[in-house]
Amino acid sequence: MSTIDQQKLLDISSYTSKLLRKNFGRGPETCHAFSNDRYLVFYIRGFLSPMESVLLEQGSADHVEFSRGIVMQTVLAQLKGVLEREFEQDIMDCYHDWNYPNNTGVIMICFEKVMETAEPQAKEFSEYKALIKEVERVSQLVQKVPEQTEAYRITSKLYIVKRVGILVPIEKALIANGYQETLLVTKDDLEKTYFHRDGKFGEIFKQPVEDIFVDWNFHEDKSMMCFLLK
């Protein structure tokens, strides 16, 4: 597999932007791709349609979340196929999340193997232990301490955290009984509230956090978080 250079990331960003436009009827203002280790992260700005803006103004964020989630399943399936051919390896997981007040979002791709990057970085960066400890502390406030937590620095402004084993029995029962969408919307709002309000991430990174994104793979009991610094 060839080294991921800046031009390749630009080409992938452009393709993803066109794919969003094709499926949603409008594309984002900007879409930038970043990579490190096994992860490829797209940071997206300016991606609210006029209809979604009206729904949000009326307090119907749940409807926006639900409808966007359905379309994103198609987008991610198409993107997955292209990326697997491009990088000649399988993708394990795809995640996405949106911050509607900031009109921003992320798509997080996890490959099966470590990707070759132009500038390899050590897994354990200076904030590594403090970041994991704080994520686990806030996770416990909402549900429980994850069975496994890993953190990765994608760029100096972009960090991701993977959590495994975070669902409590009542959540597993709700999923088994078909309440996955309701649980997803509830957890999204609850976790982000706690992580923004109670998390001391600005102190850990020594700079303000602009965005926190969270998504889940309920069937495999995994979650991916993304921290974007100002």
Protein backbone atom coordinates (compact mmCIF):
# COMPACT_ATOMS: atom_id res chain seq x y z
CA MET A 1 0.00 0.00 0.00
CA SER A 2 1.40 3.36 -1.00
CA THR A 3 2.09 6.23 1.35
CA ILE A 4 -0.90 8.52 1.83
CA ASP A 5 0.30 11.87 0.53
CA GLN A 6 -1.55 15.17 0.72
CA GLN A 7 -2.79 14.92 -2.87
CA LYS A 8 -4.38 11.55 -2.18
CA LEU A 9 -6.17 12.96 0.85
CA LEU A 10 -7.39 15.90 -1.24
CA ASP A 11 -8.72 13.53 -3.91
CA ILE A 12 -10.50 11.42 -1.30
CA SER A 13 -11.99 14.56 0.28
CA SER A 14 -13.25 15.76 -3.10
CA TYR A 15 -14.84 12.40 -3.86
CA THR A 16 -16.55 12.28 -0.44
CA SER A 17 -17.90 15.80 -0.90
CA LYS A 18 -19.38 14.82 -4.30
CA LEU A 19 -20.82 11.65 -2.79
CA LEU A 20 -22.59 13.67 -0.09
CA ARG A 21 -23.92 16.06 -2.73
CA LYS A 22 -25.20 13.17 -4.85
CA ASN A 23 -27.11 11.56 -1.97
CA PHE A 24 -28.30 14.67 -0.09
CA GLY A 25 -28.89 17.04 -2.99
CA ARG A 26 -26.27 19.47 -1.69
CA GLY A 27 -22.63 19.13 -0.66
CA PRO A 28 -20.70 20.55 2.29
CA GLU A 29 -18.87 23.87 2.15
CA THR A 30 -15.64 22.06 3.07
CA CYS A 31 -14.56 18.45 3.53
CA HIS A 32 -11.00 17.65 4.67
CA ALA A 33 -9.47 14.19 5.16
CA PHE A 34 -6.81 13.34 7.75
CA SER A 35 -5.13 10.00 8.43
CA ASN A 36 -2.94 8.23 10.96
CA ASP A 37 -2.51 4.68 12.21
CA ARG A 38 -5.57 2.69 11.05
CA TYR A 39 -7.86 5.71 10.87
CA LEU A 40 -9.11 8.05 8.19
CA VAL A 41 -11.15 11.03 9.44
CA PHE A 42 -13.20 13.45 7.34
CA TYR A 43 -14.00 16.80 8.97
CA ILE A 44 -17.00 18.45 7.31
CA ARG A 45 -18.30 22.03 7.57
CA GLY A 46 -21.43 23.73 6.25
CA PHE A 47 -23.70 20.76 5.58
CA LEU A 48 -27.21 21.80 6.62
CA SER A 49 -29.97 21.81 4.01
CA PRO A 50 -32.68 24.53 4.16
CA MET A 51 -35.22 21.90 5.28
CA GLU A 52 -32.94 20.68 8.07
CA SER A 53 -32.39 24.28 9.22
CA VAL A 54 -36.16 24.78 9.52
CA LEU A 55 -36.60 21.53 11.45
CA LEU A 56 -33.80 22.50 13.85
CA GLU A 57 -35.35 25.93 14.41
CA GLN A 58 -38.60 24.16 15.30
CA GLY A 59 -36.83 21.92 17.81
CA SER A 60 -37.05 18.78 15.67
CA ALA A 61 -33.39 17.74 15.86
CA ASP A 62 -34.46 14.10 16.33
CA HIS A 63 -36.12 14.10 12.89
CA VAL A 64 -32.98 15.55 11.30
CA GLU A 65 -30.81 12.96 13.07
CA PHE A 66 -33.04 10.08 11.98
CA SER A 67 -33.40 11.09 8.31
CA ARG A 68 -29.71 11.95 7.95
CA GLY A 69 -28.77 8.62 9.52
CA ILE A 70 -30.77 6.71 6.90
CA VAL A 71 -29.10 8.51 3.98
CA MET A 72 -25.66 8.19 5.57
CA GLN A 73 -26.00 4.39 5.51
CA THR A 74 -26.02 4.60 1.70
CA VAL A 75 -23.17 7.13 1.64
CA LEU A 76 -20.97 5.01 3.92
CA ALA A 77 -21.65 1.83 1.93
CA GLN A 78 -20.54 3.56 -1.29
CA LEU A 79 -17.56 5.24 0.37
CA LYS A 80 -16.47 1.95 1.97
CA GLY A 81 -16.30 0.21 -1.39
CA VAL A 82 -14.21 2.95 -2.97
CA LEU A 83 -11.79 3.24 -0.03
CA GLU A 84 -11.27 -0.52 0.19
CA ARG A 85 -10.30 -0.61 -3.50
CA GLU A 86 -8.11 2.48 -3.14
CA PHE A 87 -6.17 1.22 -0.12
CA GLU A 88 -6.38 -2.48 -0.93
CA GLN A 89 -7.55 -3.55 2.50
CA ASP A 90 -10.78 -4.09 4.41
CA ILE A 91 -12.58 -1.50 6.50
CA MET A 92 -13.65 -2.70 9.94
CA ASP A 93 -15.93 0.16 11.00
CA CYS A 94 -17.48 3.40 9.74
CA TYR A 95 -18.80 6.08 12.09
CA HIS A 96 -20.35 9.50 11.59
CA ASP A 97 -21.68 12.29 13.80
CA TRP A 98 -22.86 15.88 13.44
CA ASN A 99 -22.82 19.04 15.53
CA TYR A 100 -25.85 20.92 14.22
CA PRO A 101 -25.31 24.19 16.16
CA ASN A 102 -21.78 24.42 14.70
CA ASN A 103 -22.89 23.01 11.32
CA THR A 104 -19.96 20.55 11.42
CA GLY A 105 -19.54 16.80 11.25
CA VAL A 106 -17.13 13.89 10.96
CA ILE A 107 -16.89 10.57 9.17
CA MET A 108 -14.47 8.17 10.88
CA ILE A 109 -13.12 5.15 9.00
CA CYS A 110 -11.25 2.32 10.74
CA PHE A 111 -9.15 0.07 8.48
CA GLU A 112 -8.17 -3.49 9.33
CA LYS A 113 -4.44 -2.73 9.24
CA VAL A 114 -2.23 0.24 10.04
CA MET A 115 -2.06 2.69 7.15
CA GLU A 116 1.30 3.93 5.94
CA THR A 117 1.46 7.67 6.62
CA ALA A 118 3.84 10.34 5.41
CA GLU A 119 4.83 11.18 8.99
CA PRO A 120 4.41 8.20 11.35
CA GLN A 121 3.47 9.15 14.89
CA ALA A 122 3.92 7.31 18.16
CA LYS A 123 0.72 5.87 19.55
CA GLU A 124 1.25 7.23 23.06
CA PHE A 125 1.36 11.01 22.72
CA SER A 126 1.89 13.30 25.72
CA GLU A 127 -1.83 13.63 26.56
CA TYR A 128 -2.54 9.92 26.04
CA LYS A 129 -2.99 8.69 29.62
CA ALA A 130 -4.80 11.81 30.83
CA LEU A 131 -7.19 11.71 27.86
CA ILE A 132 -8.08 8.06 28.41
CA LYS A 133 -8.53 8.58 32.16
CA GLU A 134 -10.88 11.56 31.59
CA VAL A 135 -12.92 9.77 28.91
CA GLU A 136 -13.36 6.81 31.26
CA ARG A 137 -14.31 9.09 34.16
CA VAL A 138 -17.05 10.88 32.17
CA SER A 139 -18.22 7.60 30.60
CA GLN A 140 -18.82 6.27 34.11
CA LEU A 141 -21.01 9.28 34.93
CA VAL A 142 -23.32 8.38 32.03
CA GLN A 143 -23.13 4.58 32.00
CA LYS A 144 -19.97 2.70 33.02
CA VAL A 145 -16.20 2.61 32.54
CA PRO A 146 -15.44 1.05 29.14
CA GLU A 147 -13.85 -2.39 29.18
CA GLN A 148 -11.22 -1.08 26.75
CA THR A 149 -10.21 2.48 25.78
CA GLU A 150 -7.69 3.52 23.11
CA ALA A 151 -6.69 7.01 21.95
CA TYR A 152 -5.02 8.19 18.75
CA ARG A 153 -3.65 11.53 17.62
CA ILE A 154 -4.60 12.03 13.98
CA THR A 155 -3.19 15.57 13.78
CA SER A 156 -2.13 18.17 16.37
CA LYS A 157 -5.76 19.39 16.37
CA LEU A 158 -7.62 16.12 15.89
CA TYR A 159 -7.80 13.20 18.34
CA ILE A 160 -9.98 10.10 18.36
CA VAL A 161 -10.88 7.73 21.19
CA LYS A 162 -12.21 4.20 20.75
CA ARG A 163 -14.27 2.64 23.54
CA VAL A 164 -15.23 -1.04 23.72
CA GLY A 165 -17.72 -2.56 26.17
CA ILE A 166 -19.76 0.47 27.29
CA LEU A 167 -23.38 -0.72 27.09
CA VAL A 168 -25.23 -1.48 30.33
CA PRO A 169 -27.85 -4.31 30.51
CA ILE A 170 -30.87 -1.99 30.08
CA GLU A 171 -29.36 -0.55 26.90
CA LYS A 172 -28.69 -4.03 25.50
CA ALA A 173 -32.31 -4.96 26.24
CA LEU A 174 -33.60 -1.84 24.44
CA ILE A 175 -31.50 -2.71 21.37
CA ALA A 176 -32.73 -6.31 21.41
CA ASN A 177 -36.33 -5.04 21.50
CA GLY A 178 -35.93 -2.75 18.50
CA TYR A 179 -35.38 0.61 20.23
CA GLN A 180 -31.95 1.21 18.70
CA GLU A 181 -32.82 4.53 17.03
CA THR A 182 -34.41 5.96 20.18
CA LEU A 183 -31.43 4.87 22.24
CA LEU A 184 -29.01 6.36 19.71
CA VAL A 185 -30.65 9.79 19.82
CA THR A 186 -30.87 9.72 23.63
CA LYS A 187 -27.26 8.62 24.13
CA ASP A 188 -26.01 11.15 21.60
CA ASP A 189 -27.59 14.06 23.45
CA LEU A 190 -26.78 12.74 26.94
CA GLU A 191 -23.13 11.82 26.34
CA LYS A 192 -22.29 15.05 24.50
CA THR A 193 -23.86 17.08 27.31
CA TYR A 194 -21.72 15.31 29.90
CA PHE A 195 -18.51 15.40 27.87
CA HIS A 196 -18.87 19.11 27.10
CA ARG A 197 -20.08 20.14 30.57
CA ASP A 198 -18.11 17.83 32.88
CA GLY A 199 -15.06 16.92 30.83
CA LYS A 200 -11.76 18.67 31.54
CA PHE A 201 -10.44 18.20 28.02
CA GLY A 202 -9.39 21.82 27.55
CA GLU A 203 -7.03 21.39 30.50
CA ILE A 204 -5.64 18.14 29.08
CA PHE A 205 -5.00 19.54 25.60
CA LYS A 206 -4.03 22.98 26.98
CA GLN A 207 -6.33 24.60 24.41
CA PRO A 208 -10.10 24.87 23.92
CA VAL A 209 -12.06 22.00 22.38
CA GLU A 210 -14.20 23.20 19.46
CA ASP A 211 -16.13 19.99 18.71
CA ILE A 212 -16.76 16.61 20.35
CA PHE A 213 -18.30 13.93 18.14
CA VAL A 214 -19.59 10.50 19.26
CA ASP A 215 -21.00 7.52 17.39
CA TRP A 216 -21.70 3.88 18.29
CA ASN A 217 -21.72 0.40 16.86
CA PHE A 218 -24.36 -1.06 19.16
CA HIS A 219 -24.19 -4.62 17.82
CA GLU A 220 -20.47 -4.88 18.61
CA ASP A 221 -20.71 -2.64 21.71
CA LYS A 222 -18.14 -0.13 20.43
CA SER A 223 -18.03 3.65 20.26
CA MET A 224 -15.79 6.16 18.51
CA MET A 225 -15.20 9.71 19.74
CA CYS A 226 -13.49 12.60 17.97
CA PHE A 227 -12.08 15.73 19.61
CA LEU A 228 -11.37 18.75 17.43
CA LEU A 229 -9.31 21.53 19.01
CA LYS A 230 -9.62 25.22 18.17
